[in-house]
Amino acid sequence: MRTAGNQKVALWRQRYEKYKAGGLARREMCQRFKVKLSTLDYWFARLRRESRPEGLVELKGMAADPTAPNCLTLVVAEGIRVEIPRGCDMKLLAEVLGVLRSRS
């Protein structure tokens, strides 16, 4: 049985999917759903956070390719591309990843 809270989350997921599909601006969605912009922004941010994977991913079993470049390329949302060279300063990398995380 669905609780009122689960129903609310499901409703906002549907609204968020409609928004991602395009066609309406946030303000137009507010008018259509009769909600404040702050409410819409709260729910959309919450749903983005919930759908985002967290933590590190361990890469196992990757065979070394002698023709591959000497770096790892990390592509994140919004077209951000980070090239991590072999022997990279891990402290600097952690700072860069922290900045990227705070932007999302």
Protein backbone atom coordinates (compact mmCIF):
# COMPACT_ATOMS: atom_id res chain seq x y z
CA MET A 1 0.00 0.00 0.00
CA ARG A 2 1.29 3.45 -0.93
CA THR A 3 1.60 6.07 1.76
CA ALA A 4 0.83 9.72 1.17
CA GLY A 5 4.58 10.44 1.22
CA ASN A 6 5.29 7.84 -1.47
CA GLN A 7 2.47 9.21 -3.59
CA LYS A 8 3.88 12.72 -3.29
CA VAL A 9 7.35 11.55 -4.36
CA ALA A 10 5.84 9.64 -7.31
CA LEU A 11 3.86 12.72 -8.36
CA TRP A 12 6.97 14.92 -8.27
CA ARG A 13 8.97 12.31 -10.19
CA GLN A 14 6.35 12.47 -12.96
CA ARG A 15 6.53 16.26 -12.97
CA TYR A 16 10.31 16.19 -13.05
CA GLU A 17 10.32 13.75 -15.99
CA LYS A 18 7.91 16.02 -17.88
CA TYR A 19 10.21 18.94 -17.20
CA LYS A 20 13.30 17.04 -18.41
CA ALA A 21 11.43 16.02 -21.56
CA GLY A 22 11.25 19.73 -22.37
CA GLY A 23 8.61 22.08 -23.60
CA LEU A 24 7.90 24.09 -20.45
CA ALA A 25 9.97 26.53 -18.45
CA ARG A 26 10.02 26.23 -14.64
CA ARG A 27 7.68 29.20 -14.20
CA GLU A 28 5.20 27.72 -16.68
CA MET A 29 5.31 24.44 -14.77
CA CYS A 30 4.57 26.31 -11.55
CA GLN A 31 1.49 27.85 -13.12
CA ARG A 32 0.33 24.52 -14.52
CA PHE A 33 0.79 22.64 -11.23
CA LYS A 34 -0.23 25.60 -9.04
CA VAL A 35 2.92 25.53 -6.91
CA LYS A 36 5.51 28.10 -5.86
CA LEU A 37 8.80 28.27 -7.72
CA SER A 38 10.64 27.50 -4.45
CA THR A 39 8.59 24.29 -4.06
CA LEU A 40 9.34 23.22 -7.61
CA ASP A 41 13.05 23.93 -7.15
CA TYR A 42 13.13 22.02 -3.84
CA TRP A 43 11.58 18.90 -5.36
CA PHE A 44 13.67 18.99 -8.52
CA ALA A 45 16.89 19.37 -6.51
CA ARG A 46 15.84 16.53 -4.19
CA LEU A 47 15.10 14.21 -7.11
CA ARG A 48 18.40 15.07 -8.81
CA ARG A 49 20.28 14.28 -5.57
CA GLU A 50 18.45 10.96 -5.16
CA SER A 51 19.21 9.87 -8.72
CA ARG A 52 22.90 10.76 -8.57
CA PRO A 53 25.28 7.89 -7.79
CA GLU A 54 27.49 8.47 -4.79
CA GLY A 55 30.95 7.31 -3.85
CA LEU A 56 33.83 5.95 -5.80
CA VAL A 57 33.74 3.21 -8.39
CA GLU A 58 36.51 0.66 -8.39
CA LEU A 59 37.76 -0.30 -11.84
CA LYS A 60 38.83 -3.94 -11.97
CA GLY A 61 40.15 -6.14 -14.70
CA MET A 62 41.06 -3.40 -17.14
CA ALA A 63 43.84 -4.64 -19.37
CA ALA A 64 46.60 -2.18 -20.10
CA ASP A 65 46.45 -0.91 -23.67
CA PRO A 66 49.86 0.27 -24.87
CA THR A 67 48.21 2.48 -27.51
CA ALA A 68 45.93 4.22 -25.00
CA PRO A 69 46.83 7.72 -23.79
CA ASN A 70 48.56 7.99 -20.44
CA CYS A 71 45.53 9.46 -18.72
CA LEU A 72 42.05 8.65 -17.52
CA THR A 73 39.25 10.82 -18.94
CA LEU A 74 36.32 11.46 -16.63
CA VAL A 75 33.20 12.87 -18.29
CA VAL A 76 30.59 14.31 -15.94
CA ALA A 77 27.29 16.11 -16.43
CA GLU A 78 26.99 19.38 -18.29
CA GLY A 79 29.75 18.48 -20.73
CA ILE A 80 32.53 18.71 -18.15
CA ARG A 81 35.52 16.59 -19.09
CA VAL A 82 38.43 15.99 -16.71
CA GLU A 83 41.62 14.38 -17.97
CA ILE A 84 43.61 12.79 -15.16
CA PRO A 85 47.22 12.07 -16.13
CA ARG A 86 49.20 9.18 -14.72
CA GLY A 87 50.93 10.29 -11.53
CA CYS A 88 48.40 13.07 -10.91
CA ASP A 89 48.52 14.91 -7.58
CA MET A 90 45.72 13.11 -5.71
CA LYS A 91 45.17 16.04 -3.34
CA LEU A 92 44.56 18.34 -6.30
CA LEU A 93 42.26 15.77 -7.92
CA ALA A 94 40.24 15.49 -4.68
CA GLU A 95 39.85 19.29 -4.63
CA VAL A 96 38.69 19.38 -8.26
CA LEU A 97 36.17 16.59 -7.66
CA GLY A 98 34.94 18.41 -4.54
CA VAL A 99 34.30 21.56 -6.56
CA LEU A 100 32.45 19.56 -9.23
CA ARG A 101 30.32 17.85 -6.59
CA SER A 102 29.37 21.17 -4.99
CA ARG A 103 28.20 22.50 -8.39
CA SER A 104 25.70 19.69 -8.93
